[in-house]
């Protein structure tokens, strides 16, 4: 199972990633908008690349980033030092430190291909989402690219959609991200 190594933190925010996947524009493509009191959850938040922009978009809401790696959370807190509506929490892989039915929008960016039991993981996401909540998934295209996980660890759109369906996400919509990544917006 391929796991991102925190020694490569510089890959999480660099000019190439900002060109391929600009955080504000990417969140807007999924439909993230400022609705009063909305709660956004960035699952596998890393250094807060999407968490911090989400907090700025959701001025009257909250953005929570969770990660299993302490070093990632430390960097995220440093980057978000002046932002009041953001929180970062240590997570376990299949158990998120978030209440049931409390999240309006959840994001997983380049996370699911690293998870062993994908359906179990998606069921944990479903647990924390509100009934009308939306899950935004970004994954690497299933093709050879410079950088990213090995080809055999990548998920095709069809594979990802099948995992989502098995976890109870029945409304699936493709979202254009870049030539290296694809997006899926999932709802119950």
N, C-alpha and C. Protein backbone atom coordinates (compact mmCIF):
# COMPACT_ATOMS: atom_id res chain seq x y z
N UNK A 1 0.86 -1.19 0.00
CA UNK A 1 0.00 0.00 0.00
C UNK A 1 0.89 1.24 0.00
N UNK A 2 0.67 2.10 -0.96
CA UNK A 2 1.44 3.33 -1.07
C UNK A 2 0.96 4.35 -0.05
N UNK A 3 1.87 4.93 0.72
CA UNK A 3 1.55 6.00 1.67
C UNK A 3 2.45 7.19 1.38
N UNK A 4 1.89 8.39 1.48
CA UNK A 4 2.68 9.60 1.28
C UNK A 4 3.66 9.74 2.43
N UNK A 5 4.89 10.05 2.11
CA UNK A 5 5.94 10.21 3.11
C UNK A 5 6.08 11.69 3.45
N UNK A 6 5.98 12.03 4.73
CA UNK A 6 6.04 13.44 5.14
C UNK A 6 7.39 14.09 4.85
N UNK A 7 8.37 13.30 4.46
CA UNK A 7 9.65 13.88 4.05
C UNK A 7 9.47 14.71 2.77
N UNK A 8 8.37 14.46 2.05
CA UNK A 8 8.07 15.16 0.80
C UNK A 8 7.08 16.30 0.99
N UNK A 9 7.10 16.95 2.14
CA UNK A 9 6.15 18.04 2.42
C UNK A 9 6.15 19.12 1.35
N UNK A 10 7.29 19.39 0.76
CA UNK A 10 7.37 20.45 -0.25
C UNK A 10 6.47 20.15 -1.46
N UNK A 11 6.10 18.91 -1.67
CA UNK A 11 5.21 18.56 -2.79
C UNK A 11 3.76 18.95 -2.50
N UNK A 12 3.44 19.23 -1.24
CA UNK A 12 2.06 19.55 -0.88
C UNK A 12 1.67 20.98 -1.18
N UNK A 13 2.66 21.85 -1.36
CA UNK A 13 2.36 23.22 -1.77
C UNK A 13 3.56 23.74 -2.54
N UNK A 14 3.41 23.75 -3.84
CA UNK A 14 4.48 24.23 -4.71
C UNK A 14 3.84 24.81 -5.96
N UNK A 15 4.59 25.52 -6.78
CA UNK A 15 4.00 26.16 -7.96
C UNK A 15 3.29 25.19 -8.91
N UNK A 16 3.83 23.99 -9.09
CA UNK A 16 3.19 23.03 -10.00
C UNK A 16 1.83 22.60 -9.46
N UNK A 17 1.74 22.31 -8.17
CA UNK A 17 0.45 21.90 -7.60
C UNK A 17 -0.55 23.06 -7.65
N UNK A 18 -0.08 24.26 -7.38
CA UNK A 18 -0.98 25.42 -7.44
C UNK A 18 -1.49 25.67 -8.86
N UNK A 19 -0.67 25.34 -9.85
CA UNK A 19 -1.10 25.49 -11.24
C UNK A 19 -2.11 24.39 -11.60
N UNK A 20 -1.81 23.15 -11.22
CA UNK A 20 -2.67 22.02 -11.57
C UNK A 20 -3.95 21.96 -10.74
N UNK A 21 -3.86 22.39 -9.48
CA UNK A 21 -4.98 22.24 -8.57
C UNK A 21 -5.05 23.46 -7.63
N UNK A 22 -5.35 24.64 -8.19
CA UNK A 22 -5.42 25.83 -7.33
C UNK A 22 -6.52 25.64 -6.27
N UNK A 23 -6.20 25.84 -5.00
CA UNK A 23 -7.15 25.43 -3.95
C UNK A 23 -8.51 26.13 -4.00
N UNK A 24 -8.54 27.45 -4.16
CA UNK A 24 -9.83 28.14 -4.17
C UNK A 24 -10.67 27.71 -5.36
N UNK A 25 -10.07 27.72 -6.54
CA UNK A 25 -10.80 27.35 -7.75
C UNK A 25 -11.26 25.89 -7.71
N UNK A 26 -10.45 25.02 -7.15
CA UNK A 26 -10.82 23.61 -7.05
C UNK A 26 -12.03 23.44 -6.14
N UNK A 27 -12.01 24.11 -4.99
CA UNK A 27 -13.16 24.04 -4.08
C UNK A 27 -14.41 24.62 -4.72
N UNK A 28 -14.25 25.70 -5.48
CA UNK A 28 -15.40 26.30 -6.16
C UNK A 28 -15.95 25.38 -7.24
N UNK A 29 -15.09 24.61 -7.92
CA UNK A 29 -15.56 23.67 -8.95
C UNK A 29 -16.49 22.62 -8.33
N UNK A 30 -16.21 22.23 -7.10
CA UNK A 30 -17.06 21.27 -6.41
C UNK A 30 -18.35 21.92 -5.92
N UNK A 31 -18.36 23.24 -5.81
CA UNK A 31 -19.56 23.94 -5.37
C UNK A 31 -19.50 24.43 -3.94
N UNK A 32 -18.33 24.44 -3.31
CA UNK A 32 -18.23 24.94 -1.94
C UNK A 32 -18.58 26.43 -1.93
N UNK A 33 -19.50 26.79 -1.07
CA UNK A 33 -19.91 28.19 -0.98
C UNK A 33 -20.21 28.54 0.48
N UNK A 34 -20.18 29.80 0.75
CA UNK A 34 -20.39 30.29 2.10
C UNK A 34 -21.87 30.25 2.45
N UNK A 35 -22.26 29.24 3.20
CA UNK A 35 -23.61 29.19 3.75
C UNK A 35 -23.46 29.23 5.27
N UNK A 36 -24.30 30.00 5.91
CA UNK A 36 -24.17 30.26 7.34
C UNK A 36 -23.94 29.03 8.20
N UNK A 37 -22.86 29.04 8.93
CA UNK A 37 -22.56 28.00 9.90
C UNK A 37 -22.10 26.68 9.32
N UNK A 38 -21.80 26.61 8.03
CA UNK A 38 -21.39 25.35 7.42
C UNK A 38 -20.08 24.85 8.02
N UNK A 39 -19.97 23.53 8.09
CA UNK A 39 -18.76 22.89 8.60
C UNK A 39 -18.14 22.05 7.48
N UNK A 40 -16.86 22.30 7.22
CA UNK A 40 -16.09 21.64 6.18
C UNK A 40 -15.06 20.75 6.86
N UNK A 41 -14.91 19.52 6.38
CA UNK A 41 -13.93 18.59 6.92
C UNK A 41 -12.96 18.19 5.83
N UNK A 42 -11.68 18.46 6.05
CA UNK A 42 -10.62 18.07 5.12
C UNK A 42 -9.96 16.82 5.69
N UNK A 43 -10.24 15.68 5.07
CA UNK A 43 -9.79 14.38 5.55
C UNK A 43 -8.43 14.08 4.92
N UNK A 44 -7.42 13.90 5.79
CA UNK A 44 -6.05 13.76 5.28
C UNK A 44 -5.56 15.12 4.83
N UNK A 45 -5.74 16.10 5.69
CA UNK A 45 -5.53 17.51 5.34
C UNK A 45 -4.08 17.88 5.04
N UNK A 46 -3.15 17.06 5.47
CA UNK A 46 -1.75 17.43 5.24
C UNK A 46 -1.42 18.76 5.89
N UNK A 47 -0.88 19.67 5.11
CA UNK A 47 -0.46 20.97 5.63
C UNK A 47 -1.57 22.03 5.58
N UNK A 48 -2.80 21.59 5.29
CA UNK A 48 -3.92 22.52 5.24
C UNK A 48 -4.11 23.20 3.90
N UNK A 49 -3.59 22.60 2.84
CA UNK A 49 -3.65 23.18 1.50
C UNK A 49 -5.08 23.54 1.10
N UNK A 50 -6.05 22.70 1.42
CA UNK A 50 -7.46 23.01 1.15
C UNK A 50 -8.20 23.50 2.38
N UNK A 51 -7.75 23.12 3.57
CA UNK A 51 -8.46 23.50 4.79
C UNK A 51 -8.48 25.01 4.97
N UNK A 52 -7.34 25.64 4.78
CA UNK A 52 -7.23 27.09 5.00
C UNK A 52 -8.08 27.87 3.98
N UNK A 53 -8.01 27.57 2.69
CA UNK A 53 -8.90 28.25 1.75
C UNK A 53 -10.38 28.00 2.07
N UNK A 54 -10.72 26.78 2.50
CA UNK A 54 -12.12 26.49 2.85
C UNK A 54 -12.57 27.37 4.02
N UNK A 55 -11.69 27.56 5.01
CA UNK A 55 -12.03 28.44 6.14
C UNK A 55 -12.28 29.86 5.66
N UNK A 56 -11.51 30.30 4.69
CA UNK A 56 -11.69 31.67 4.16
C UNK A 56 -12.96 31.78 3.32
N UNK A 57 -13.32 30.73 2.61
CA UNK A 57 -14.58 30.73 1.84
C UNK A 57 -15.77 30.71 2.79
N UNK A 58 -15.69 29.88 3.83
CA UNK A 58 -16.79 29.72 4.80
C UNK A 58 -16.63 30.71 5.95
N UNK A 59 -16.73 31.97 5.65
CA UNK A 59 -16.48 33.02 6.66
C UNK A 59 -17.30 32.83 7.93
N UNK A 60 -18.55 32.41 7.80
CA UNK A 60 -19.39 32.21 8.98
C UNK A 60 -19.42 30.78 9.46
N UNK A 61 -18.58 29.94 8.90
CA UNK A 61 -18.56 28.53 9.26
C UNK A 61 -17.24 28.11 9.85
N UNK A 62 -16.95 26.84 9.75
CA UNK A 62 -15.74 26.27 10.33
C UNK A 62 -15.11 25.29 9.35
N UNK A 63 -13.80 25.28 9.30
CA UNK A 63 -13.07 24.28 8.53
C UNK A 63 -12.22 23.47 9.50
N UNK A 64 -12.37 22.16 9.41
CA UNK A 64 -11.62 21.23 10.27
C UNK A 64 -10.74 20.38 9.37
N UNK A 65 -9.47 20.29 9.71
CA UNK A 65 -8.56 19.41 9.00
C UNK A 65 -8.16 18.27 9.92
N UNK A 66 -8.20 17.06 9.41
CA UNK A 66 -7.75 15.91 10.20
C UNK A 66 -6.66 15.17 9.44
N UNK A 67 -5.72 14.62 10.19
CA UNK A 67 -4.63 13.86 9.58
C UNK A 67 -4.11 12.87 10.62
N UNK A 68 -3.49 11.81 10.14
CA UNK A 68 -2.93 10.80 11.03
C UNK A 68 -1.47 11.10 11.39
N UNK A 69 -0.88 12.11 10.74
CA UNK A 69 0.54 12.42 10.92
C UNK A 69 0.70 13.73 11.69
N UNK A 70 1.32 13.66 12.87
CA UNK A 70 1.52 14.85 13.70
C UNK A 70 2.27 15.96 12.98
N UNK A 71 3.30 15.60 12.23
CA UNK A 71 4.11 16.60 11.54
C UNK A 71 3.28 17.41 10.55
N UNK A 72 2.35 16.77 9.89
CA UNK A 72 1.45 17.48 8.97
C UNK A 72 0.61 18.51 9.73
N UNK A 73 0.05 18.07 10.84
CA UNK A 73 -0.79 18.97 11.64
C UNK A 73 0.00 20.16 12.17
N UNK A 74 1.22 19.93 12.57
CA UNK A 74 2.07 21.03 13.04
C UNK A 74 2.27 22.07 11.95
N UNK A 75 2.55 21.63 10.73
CA UNK A 75 2.72 22.56 9.61
C UNK A 75 1.40 23.28 9.31
N UNK A 76 0.30 22.56 9.38
CA UNK A 76 -1.01 23.18 9.11
C UNK A 76 -1.30 24.28 10.12
N UNK A 77 -1.05 24.02 11.40
CA UNK A 77 -1.28 25.04 12.42
C UNK A 77 -0.40 26.27 12.17
N UNK A 78 0.85 26.07 11.79
CA UNK A 78 1.74 27.20 11.49
C UNK A 78 1.19 28.04 10.35
N UNK A 79 0.67 27.40 9.33
CA UNK A 79 0.15 28.12 8.16
C UNK A 79 -1.15 28.85 8.46
N UNK A 80 -1.90 28.40 9.45
CA UNK A 80 -3.22 28.95 9.75
C UNK A 80 -3.23 29.84 10.98
N UNK A 81 -2.08 30.35 11.39
CA UNK A 81 -1.98 31.03 12.69
C UNK A 81 -2.91 32.22 12.87
N UNK A 82 -3.35 32.90 11.83
CA UNK A 82 -4.22 34.07 11.99
C UNK A 82 -5.68 33.78 11.67
N UNK A 83 -6.01 32.55 11.37
CA UNK A 83 -7.37 32.21 10.95
C UNK A 83 -8.13 31.63 12.15
N UNK A 84 -9.24 32.27 12.47
CA UNK A 84 -9.98 31.90 13.68
C UNK A 84 -10.96 30.75 13.49
N UNK A 85 -11.44 30.54 12.27
CA UNK A 85 -12.48 29.51 12.07
C UNK A 85 -11.91 28.22 11.49
N UNK A 86 -10.69 27.89 11.90
CA UNK A 86 -10.06 26.65 11.45
C UNK A 86 -9.61 25.84 12.66
N UNK A 87 -9.65 24.53 12.52
CA UNK A 87 -9.21 23.64 13.59
C UNK A 87 -8.52 22.44 12.94
N UNK A 88 -7.49 21.96 13.55
CA UNK A 88 -6.79 20.76 13.07
C UNK A 88 -6.78 19.73 14.19
N UNK A 89 -7.06 18.48 13.82
CA UNK A 89 -7.17 17.41 14.81
C UNK A 89 -6.44 16.15 14.34
N UNK A 90 -5.88 15.45 15.29
CA UNK A 90 -5.24 14.16 15.03
C UNK A 90 -6.33 13.11 14.83
N UNK A 91 -6.17 12.31 13.82
CA UNK A 91 -7.17 11.32 13.48
C UNK A 91 -6.57 9.92 13.48
N UNK A 92 -7.42 8.95 13.58
CA UNK A 92 -7.04 7.57 13.31
C UNK A 92 -7.55 7.26 11.91
N UNK A 93 -7.00 6.26 11.29
CA UNK A 93 -7.33 6.01 9.88
C UNK A 93 -8.82 5.73 9.65
N UNK A 94 -9.44 4.95 10.50
CA UNK A 94 -10.84 4.60 10.29
C UNK A 94 -11.76 5.16 11.38
N UNK A 95 -11.29 6.14 12.11
CA UNK A 95 -12.08 6.75 13.18
C UNK A 95 -11.74 8.23 13.26
N UNK A 96 -12.66 9.06 12.77
CA UNK A 96 -12.42 10.50 12.72
C UNK A 96 -12.89 11.17 14.01
N UNK A 97 -12.14 12.15 14.52
CA UNK A 97 -12.52 12.84 15.75
C UNK A 97 -13.59 13.92 15.48
N UNK A 98 -14.72 13.45 14.97
CA UNK A 98 -15.81 14.34 14.56
C UNK A 98 -17.13 13.66 14.92
N UNK A 99 -18.10 14.45 15.35
CA UNK A 99 -19.41 13.92 15.74
C UNK A 99 -20.19 13.38 14.54
N UNK A 100 -21.10 12.47 14.80
CA UNK A 100 -22.00 11.95 13.78
C UNK A 100 -22.80 13.09 13.17
N UNK A 101 -23.07 13.00 11.87
CA UNK A 101 -23.98 13.92 11.18
C UNK A 101 -23.69 15.40 11.47
N UNK A 102 -22.42 15.79 11.47
CA UNK A 102 -22.06 17.16 11.82
C UNK A 102 -21.38 17.93 10.69
N UNK A 103 -21.12 17.29 9.56
CA UNK A 103 -20.33 17.90 8.49
C UNK A 103 -21.21 18.18 7.26
N UNK A 104 -21.09 19.40 6.75
CA UNK A 104 -21.82 19.79 5.54
C UNK A 104 -21.04 19.41 4.27
N UNK A 105 -19.73 19.63 4.31
CA UNK A 105 -18.87 19.36 3.16
C UNK A 105 -17.63 18.62 3.65
N UNK A 106 -17.27 17.53 2.98
CA UNK A 106 -16.04 16.81 3.31
C UNK A 106 -15.21 16.68 2.04
N UNK A 107 -13.90 16.73 2.21
CA UNK A 107 -12.97 16.60 1.09
C UNK A 107 -11.92 15.55 1.40
N UNK A 108 -11.62 14.72 0.40
CA UNK A 108 -10.48 13.80 0.47
C UNK A 108 -9.69 14.05 -0.80
N UNK A 109 -8.51 14.62 -0.66
CA UNK A 109 -7.67 14.89 -1.82
C UNK A 109 -6.48 13.93 -1.82
N UNK A 110 -6.45 13.05 -2.80
CA UNK A 110 -5.36 12.09 -2.96
C UNK A 110 -5.14 11.25 -1.70
N UNK A 111 -6.24 10.80 -1.12
CA UNK A 111 -6.20 10.02 0.12
C UNK A 111 -6.65 8.58 -0.10
N UNK A 112 -7.76 8.39 -0.80
CA UNK A 112 -8.39 7.08 -0.84
C UNK A 112 -7.49 5.99 -1.42
N UNK A 113 -6.64 6.33 -2.36
CA UNK A 113 -5.75 5.30 -2.93
C UNK A 113 -4.75 4.77 -1.89
N UNK A 114 -4.57 5.52 -0.78
CA UNK A 114 -3.64 5.11 0.28
C UNK A 114 -4.29 4.23 1.34
N UNK A 115 -5.60 4.06 1.26
CA UNK A 115 -6.36 3.36 2.29
C UNK A 115 -6.56 1.90 1.90
N UNK A 116 -6.35 1.01 2.85
CA UNK A 116 -6.50 -0.43 2.60
C UNK A 116 -7.97 -0.80 2.36
N UNK A 117 -8.84 -0.49 3.34
CA UNK A 117 -10.26 -0.84 3.25
C UNK A 117 -11.05 0.41 2.87
N UNK A 118 -11.22 0.61 1.58
CA UNK A 118 -11.80 1.84 1.06
C UNK A 118 -13.28 2.00 1.44
N UNK A 119 -14.03 0.92 1.43
CA UNK A 119 -15.45 1.00 1.79
C UNK A 119 -15.60 1.36 3.27
N UNK A 120 -14.82 0.73 4.13
CA UNK A 120 -14.87 1.05 5.56
C UNK A 120 -14.54 2.52 5.78
N UNK A 121 -13.56 3.03 5.05
CA UNK A 121 -13.15 4.43 5.18
C UNK A 121 -14.29 5.36 4.72
N UNK A 122 -14.89 5.02 3.60
CA UNK A 122 -16.01 5.84 3.10
C UNK A 122 -17.22 5.77 4.02
N UNK A 123 -17.42 4.65 4.68
CA UNK A 123 -18.51 4.55 5.67
C UNK A 123 -18.25 5.47 6.86
N UNK A 124 -17.00 5.66 7.23
CA UNK A 124 -16.66 6.59 8.30
C UNK A 124 -16.94 8.03 7.85
N UNK A 125 -16.66 8.32 6.59
CA UNK A 125 -17.00 9.64 6.04
C UNK A 125 -18.51 9.82 6.09
N UNK A 126 -19.25 8.80 5.68
CA UNK A 126 -20.71 8.88 5.68
C UNK A 126 -21.25 9.11 7.09
N UNK A 127 -20.62 8.51 8.08
CA UNK A 127 -21.05 8.69 9.47
C UNK A 127 -21.03 10.15 9.89
N UNK A 128 -20.01 10.88 9.48
CA UNK A 128 -19.86 12.27 9.94
C UNK A 128 -20.62 13.27 9.09
N UNK A 129 -20.99 12.89 7.85
CA UNK A 129 -21.72 13.80 6.97
C UNK A 129 -23.18 13.93 7.38
N UNK A 130 -23.71 15.13 7.24
CA UNK A 130 -25.15 15.33 7.38
C UNK A 130 -25.85 14.65 6.21
N UNK A 131 -27.14 14.39 6.36
CA UNK A 131 -27.89 13.70 5.31
C UNK A 131 -27.81 14.42 3.97
N UNK A 132 -27.76 15.73 3.98
CA UNK A 132 -27.66 16.50 2.74
C UNK A 132 -26.22 16.91 2.43
N UNK A 133 -25.28 16.32 3.16
CA UNK A 133 -23.86 16.67 3.00
C UNK A 133 -23.27 16.20 1.69
N UNK A 134 -22.15 16.80 1.34
CA UNK A 134 -21.47 16.49 0.09
C UNK A 134 -20.04 16.06 0.36
N UNK A 135 -19.59 15.03 -0.35
CA UNK A 135 -18.22 14.56 -0.27
C UNK A 135 -17.52 14.89 -1.57
N UNK A 136 -16.39 15.55 -1.48
CA UNK A 136 -15.57 15.88 -2.64
C UNK A 136 -14.34 14.99 -2.62
N UNK A 137 -14.13 14.24 -3.68
CA UNK A 137 -12.99 13.33 -3.75
C UNK A 137 -12.12 13.73 -4.93
N UNK A 138 -10.83 13.87 -4.68
CA UNK A 138 -9.86 14.10 -5.73
C UNK A 138 -8.89 12.93 -5.72
N UNK A 139 -8.66 12.37 -6.88
CA UNK A 139 -7.70 11.27 -6.99
C UNK A 139 -6.87 11.44 -8.25
N UNK A 140 -5.72 10.75 -8.27
CA UNK A 140 -4.84 10.75 -9.42
C UNK A 140 -5.50 9.99 -10.56
N UNK A 141 -5.41 10.52 -11.77
CA UNK A 141 -5.86 9.78 -12.95
C UNK A 141 -5.12 8.44 -13.00
N UNK A 142 -5.79 7.43 -13.47
CA UNK A 142 -5.17 6.10 -13.58
C UNK A 142 -4.37 6.07 -14.89
N UNK A 143 -3.23 6.77 -14.87
CA UNK A 143 -2.31 6.80 -15.99
C UNK A 143 -0.94 7.16 -15.45
N UNK A 144 0.08 6.90 -16.23
CA UNK A 144 1.44 7.25 -15.83
C UNK A 144 1.60 8.76 -15.88
N UNK A 145 2.09 9.36 -14.80
CA UNK A 145 2.38 10.79 -14.76
C UNK A 145 3.70 11.00 -14.03
N UNK A 146 4.26 12.16 -14.23
CA UNK A 146 5.44 12.54 -13.46
C UNK A 146 4.96 12.82 -12.03
N UNK A 147 5.54 12.14 -11.08
CA UNK A 147 5.12 12.30 -9.69
C UNK A 147 3.88 11.49 -9.39
N UNK A 148 3.48 11.53 -8.14
CA UNK A 148 2.30 10.81 -7.71
C UNK A 148 2.60 9.36 -7.36
N UNK A 149 1.57 8.64 -6.95
CA UNK A 149 1.74 7.25 -6.54
C UNK A 149 2.01 6.35 -7.75
N UNK A 150 2.51 5.15 -7.50
CA UNK A 150 2.71 4.21 -8.60
C UNK A 150 1.38 3.92 -9.30
N UNK A 151 1.44 3.64 -10.57
CA UNK A 151 0.25 3.39 -11.38
C UNK A 151 -0.67 2.35 -10.75
N UNK A 152 -0.09 1.26 -10.25
CA UNK A 152 -0.91 0.17 -9.72
C UNK A 152 -1.66 0.52 -8.44
N UNK A 153 -1.33 1.63 -7.80
CA UNK A 153 -2.03 2.07 -6.59
C UNK A 153 -3.14 3.07 -6.89
N UNK A 154 -3.18 3.56 -8.10
CA UNK A 154 -4.18 4.56 -8.47
C UNK A 154 -5.54 3.91 -8.71
N UNK A 155 -6.58 4.69 -8.51
CA UNK A 155 -7.95 4.23 -8.70
C UNK A 155 -8.53 4.85 -9.96
N UNK A 156 -9.14 4.04 -10.80
CA UNK A 156 -9.85 4.60 -11.95
C UNK A 156 -11.14 5.25 -11.43
N UNK A 157 -11.75 6.09 -12.27
CA UNK A 157 -13.02 6.71 -11.90
C UNK A 157 -14.07 5.64 -11.61
N UNK A 158 -14.09 4.61 -12.44
CA UNK A 158 -15.08 3.54 -12.25
C UNK A 158 -14.86 2.79 -10.94
N UNK A 159 -13.62 2.51 -10.60
CA UNK A 159 -13.32 1.84 -9.33
C UNK A 159 -13.77 2.72 -8.16
N UNK A 160 -13.44 3.99 -8.23
CA UNK A 160 -13.80 4.92 -7.15
C UNK A 160 -15.32 5.01 -7.01
N UNK A 161 -16.02 5.11 -8.13
CA UNK A 161 -17.48 5.19 -8.08
C UNK A 161 -18.07 3.92 -7.46
N UNK A 162 -17.50 2.78 -7.77
CA UNK A 162 -17.99 1.52 -7.20
C UNK A 162 -17.80 1.48 -5.68
N UNK A 163 -16.65 1.92 -5.19
CA UNK A 163 -16.43 2.00 -3.74
C UNK A 163 -17.46 2.94 -3.10
N UNK A 164 -17.71 4.07 -3.75
CA UNK A 164 -18.69 5.02 -3.21
C UNK A 164 -20.07 4.39 -3.13
N UNK A 165 -20.48 3.70 -4.18
CA UNK A 165 -21.79 3.05 -4.19
C UNK A 165 -21.91 2.01 -3.08
N UNK A 166 -20.85 1.22 -2.89
CA UNK A 166 -20.86 0.20 -1.83
C UNK A 166 -21.00 0.83 -0.45
N UNK A 167 -20.54 2.07 -0.29
CA UNK A 167 -20.65 2.77 0.99
C UNK A 167 -21.95 3.57 1.11
N UNK A 168 -22.80 3.51 0.09
CA UNK A 168 -24.10 4.18 0.18
C UNK A 168 -24.18 5.54 -0.46
N UNK A 169 -23.16 5.94 -1.19
CA UNK A 169 -23.22 7.20 -1.93
C UNK A 169 -23.79 6.89 -3.30
N UNK A 170 -25.02 7.32 -3.54
CA UNK A 170 -25.70 6.94 -4.79
C UNK A 170 -25.68 8.04 -5.84
N UNK A 171 -25.53 9.28 -5.43
CA UNK A 171 -25.52 10.38 -6.38
C UNK A 171 -24.07 10.81 -6.60
N UNK A 172 -23.53 10.47 -7.76
CA UNK A 172 -22.12 10.71 -8.07
C UNK A 172 -22.02 11.60 -9.30
N UNK A 173 -21.17 12.60 -9.21
CA UNK A 173 -20.99 13.55 -10.31
C UNK A 173 -19.51 13.78 -10.53
N UNK A 174 -19.07 13.73 -11.77
CA UNK A 174 -17.67 13.99 -12.09
C UNK A 174 -17.41 15.48 -12.11
N UNK A 175 -16.23 15.86 -11.60
CA UNK A 175 -15.80 17.26 -11.56
C UNK A 175 -14.42 17.33 -12.19
N UNK A 176 -14.26 18.21 -13.16
CA UNK A 176 -12.96 18.35 -13.82
C UNK A 176 -11.97 19.04 -12.89
N UNK A 177 -10.80 18.45 -12.74
CA UNK A 177 -9.77 19.01 -11.86
C UNK A 177 -8.54 19.42 -12.67
N UNK A 178 -7.86 18.45 -13.28
CA UNK A 178 -6.66 18.74 -14.08
C UNK A 178 -6.38 17.56 -14.98
N UNK A 179 -5.32 17.64 -15.75
CA UNK A 179 -4.98 16.50 -16.60
C UNK A 179 -4.37 15.36 -15.79
N UNK A 180 -3.98 15.62 -14.54
CA UNK A 180 -3.39 14.58 -13.68
C UNK A 180 -4.37 14.03 -12.64
N UNK A 181 -5.44 14.78 -12.37
CA UNK A 181 -6.39 14.42 -11.32
C UNK A 181 -7.82 14.49 -11.84
N UNK A 182 -8.70 13.74 -11.18
CA UNK A 182 -10.12 13.84 -11.45
C UNK A 182 -10.84 14.06 -10.13
N UNK A 183 -12.08 14.53 -10.22
CA UNK A 183 -12.88 14.75 -9.03
C UNK A 183 -14.22 14.04 -9.13
N UNK A 184 -14.71 13.62 -7.98
CA UNK A 184 -16.04 13.03 -7.86
C UNK A 184 -16.74 13.74 -6.69
N UNK A 185 -17.93 14.24 -6.96
CA UNK A 185 -18.79 14.81 -5.92
C UNK A 185 -19.81 13.72 -5.58
N UNK A 186 -19.87 13.33 -4.30
CA UNK A 186 -20.71 12.21 -3.90
C UNK A 186 -21.70 12.65 -2.82
N UNK A 187 -22.92 12.18 -2.97
CA UNK A 187 -23.99 12.42 -1.99
C UNK A 187 -24.76 11.12 -1.78
N UNK A 188 -25.54 11.06 -0.68
CA UNK A 188 -26.33 9.86 -0.38
C UNK A 188 -27.47 9.74 -1.38
